[in-house]
Amino acid sequence: MKFIENECCELKIMLTKDIKKEIIAFANTNGGKIYIGVDDDGNVIGIDNPDNNLQALTGTI
């Protein structure tokens, strides 16, 4: 599956602290989806240690 970045879809190679800005932006609009582990060309590259990333993301939110 190939993803395309637009006003409702944000692609991130890895989880960073800047993810907060994206979450807030989607919360203040009509929503959207953030895909972590996907490069800017829409290719799924995956992430290392998804459980730790999920915990970090939950803590950030």
N, C-alpha and C. Protein backbone atom coordinates (compact mmCIF):
# COMPACT_ATOMS: atom_id res chain seq x y z
N MET A 1 0.85 -1.18 0.00
CA MET A 1 0.00 0.00 0.00
C MET A 1 0.89 1.24 0.00
N LYS A 2 0.56 2.19 -0.81
CA LYS A 2 1.31 3.43 -0.90
C LYS A 2 0.45 4.55 -0.32
N PHE A 3 1.05 5.37 0.55
CA PHE A 3 0.33 6.46 1.20
C PHE A 3 0.70 7.78 0.53
N ILE A 4 -0.24 8.71 0.56
CA ILE A 4 -0.02 10.04 0.00
C ILE A 4 -0.29 11.06 1.10
N GLU A 5 0.66 11.99 1.28
CA GLU A 5 0.50 13.02 2.29
C GLU A 5 -0.40 14.13 1.76
N ASN A 6 -1.37 14.55 2.57
CA ASN A 6 -2.26 15.64 2.21
C ASN A 6 -2.78 16.28 3.50
N GLU A 7 -3.84 17.08 3.42
CA GLU A 7 -4.36 17.78 4.60
C GLU A 7 -4.96 16.84 5.64
N CYS A 8 -5.23 15.62 5.26
CA CYS A 8 -5.82 14.63 6.19
C CYS A 8 -4.87 13.49 6.52
N CYS A 9 -3.67 13.51 5.97
CA CYS A 9 -2.74 12.40 6.15
C CYS A 9 -1.32 12.94 6.29
N GLU A 10 -0.67 12.61 7.38
CA GLU A 10 0.71 13.04 7.63
C GLU A 10 1.59 11.81 7.71
N LEU A 11 2.72 11.84 7.04
CA LEU A 11 3.65 10.72 7.02
C LEU A 11 4.90 11.08 7.81
N LYS A 12 5.31 10.20 8.72
CA LYS A 12 6.50 10.42 9.54
C LYS A 12 7.38 9.18 9.46
N ILE A 13 8.67 9.40 9.28
CA ILE A 13 9.61 8.28 9.25
C ILE A 13 9.75 7.69 10.63
N MET A 14 9.80 8.55 11.65
CA MET A 14 9.94 8.08 13.03
C MET A 14 9.19 8.99 13.98
N LEU A 15 8.99 8.51 15.17
CA LEU A 15 8.32 9.28 16.20
C LEU A 15 9.28 10.31 16.76
N THR A 16 8.88 11.59 16.74
CA THR A 16 9.69 12.66 17.31
C THR A 16 8.81 13.50 18.22
N LYS A 17 9.42 14.41 18.95
CA LYS A 17 8.65 15.28 19.85
C LYS A 17 7.76 16.24 19.08
N ASP A 18 8.07 16.50 17.81
CA ASP A 18 7.26 17.39 16.98
C ASP A 18 5.90 16.80 16.64
N ILE A 19 5.68 15.55 16.94
CA ILE A 19 4.40 14.90 16.64
C ILE A 19 3.25 15.61 17.34
N LYS A 20 3.56 16.27 18.46
CA LYS A 20 2.54 17.01 19.21
C LYS A 20 1.86 18.05 18.32
N LYS A 21 2.65 18.75 17.51
CA LYS A 21 2.10 19.78 16.62
C LYS A 21 1.11 19.19 15.63
N GLU A 22 1.44 18.03 15.10
CA GLU A 22 0.55 17.37 14.14
C GLU A 22 -0.75 16.93 14.81
N ILE A 23 -0.63 16.38 16.01
CA ILE A 23 -1.81 15.93 16.75
C ILE A 23 -2.73 17.11 17.05
N ILE A 24 -2.15 18.21 17.50
CA ILE A 24 -2.95 19.40 17.81
C ILE A 24 -3.61 19.96 16.56
N ALA A 25 -2.87 19.98 15.46
CA ALA A 25 -3.43 20.50 14.21
C ALA A 25 -4.63 19.67 13.76
N PHE A 26 -4.52 18.35 13.83
CA PHE A 26 -5.65 17.51 13.44
C PHE A 26 -6.80 17.63 14.43
N ALA A 27 -6.49 17.80 15.70
CA ALA A 27 -7.55 17.95 16.71
C ALA A 27 -8.33 19.25 16.50
N ASN A 28 -7.68 20.26 15.96
CA ASN A 28 -8.32 21.56 15.75
C ASN A 28 -9.00 21.68 14.38
N THR A 29 -8.95 20.63 13.59
CA THR A 29 -9.60 20.65 12.28
C THR A 29 -10.57 19.48 12.18
N ASN A 30 -10.69 18.92 11.02
CA ASN A 30 -11.61 17.80 10.80
C ASN A 30 -10.96 16.45 11.09
N GLY A 31 -9.81 16.46 11.73
CA GLY A 31 -9.13 15.21 12.05
C GLY A 31 -8.21 14.78 10.94
N GLY A 32 -7.67 13.61 11.07
CA GLY A 32 -6.74 13.08 10.08
C GLY A 32 -6.01 11.88 10.64
N LYS A 33 -5.07 11.39 9.89
CA LYS A 33 -4.29 10.22 10.28
C LYS A 33 -2.82 10.54 10.18
N ILE A 34 -2.06 10.06 11.15
CA ILE A 34 -0.62 10.19 11.15
C ILE A 34 -0.04 8.79 11.07
N TYR A 35 0.74 8.54 10.05
CA TYR A 35 1.37 7.24 9.87
C TYR A 35 2.85 7.36 10.23
N ILE A 36 3.27 6.62 11.23
CA ILE A 36 4.66 6.62 11.66
C ILE A 36 5.32 5.37 11.07
N GLY A 37 6.48 5.56 10.47
CA GLY A 37 7.17 4.45 9.81
C GLY A 37 6.93 4.45 8.32
N VAL A 38 6.55 5.62 7.79
CA VAL A 38 6.30 5.77 6.35
C VAL A 38 7.11 6.97 5.86
N ASP A 39 7.88 6.79 4.80
CA ASP A 39 8.71 7.90 4.30
C ASP A 39 7.88 8.88 3.48
N ASP A 40 8.51 9.99 3.07
CA ASP A 40 7.81 11.05 2.34
C ASP A 40 7.28 10.62 0.98
N ASP A 41 7.81 9.52 0.45
CA ASP A 41 7.32 9.01 -0.83
C ASP A 41 6.16 8.04 -0.66
N GLY A 42 5.76 7.79 0.60
CA GLY A 42 4.64 6.91 0.87
C GLY A 42 4.99 5.45 1.03
N ASN A 43 6.28 5.15 1.10
CA ASN A 43 6.72 3.77 1.26
C ASN A 43 6.78 3.39 2.74
N VAL A 44 6.20 2.26 3.08
CA VAL A 44 6.24 1.77 4.45
C VAL A 44 7.64 1.25 4.75
N ILE A 45 8.30 1.85 5.75
CA ILE A 45 9.64 1.41 6.12
C ILE A 45 9.66 0.77 7.49
N GLY A 46 8.60 0.94 8.25
CA GLY A 46 8.50 0.34 9.57
C GLY A 46 9.24 1.14 10.63
N ILE A 47 9.10 0.70 11.87
CA ILE A 47 9.78 1.35 12.99
C ILE A 47 10.40 0.29 13.88
N ASP A 48 11.46 0.67 14.56
CA ASP A 48 12.08 -0.20 15.55
C ASP A 48 11.31 -0.11 16.85
N ASN A 49 11.14 -1.21 17.52
CA ASN A 49 10.53 -1.28 18.84
C ASN A 49 9.16 -0.58 18.90
N PRO A 50 8.18 -1.08 18.20
CA PRO A 50 6.87 -0.44 18.16
C PRO A 50 6.20 -0.30 19.53
N ASP A 51 6.44 -1.24 20.44
CA ASP A 51 5.81 -1.14 21.77
C ASP A 51 6.31 0.09 22.52
N ASN A 52 7.62 0.35 22.47
CA ASN A 52 8.16 1.53 23.13
C ASN A 52 7.67 2.81 22.47
N ASN A 53 7.55 2.80 21.14
CA ASN A 53 7.04 3.96 20.43
C ASN A 53 5.59 4.24 20.81
N LEU A 54 4.80 3.20 20.95
CA LEU A 54 3.40 3.37 21.34
C LEU A 54 3.30 3.94 22.76
N GLN A 55 4.14 3.46 23.66
CA GLN A 55 4.15 3.99 25.02
C GLN A 55 4.57 5.44 25.03
N ALA A 56 5.59 5.79 24.26
CA ALA A 56 6.06 7.17 24.20
C ALA A 56 4.98 8.08 23.62
N LEU A 57 4.30 7.62 22.59
CA LEU A 57 3.24 8.41 21.97
C LEU A 57 2.08 8.62 22.95
N THR A 58 1.70 7.57 23.64
CA THR A 58 0.62 7.66 24.63
C THR A 58 1.01 8.65 25.73
N GLY A 59 2.24 8.61 26.17
CA GLY A 59 2.72 9.54 27.20
C GLY A 59 2.73 10.97 26.71
N THR A 60 3.03 11.16 25.44
CA THR A 60 3.04 12.50 24.85
C THR A 60 1.65 13.08 24.77
N ILE A 61 0.70 12.27 24.41
CA ILE A 61 -0.68 12.74 24.27
C ILE A 61 -1.24 13.04 25.65
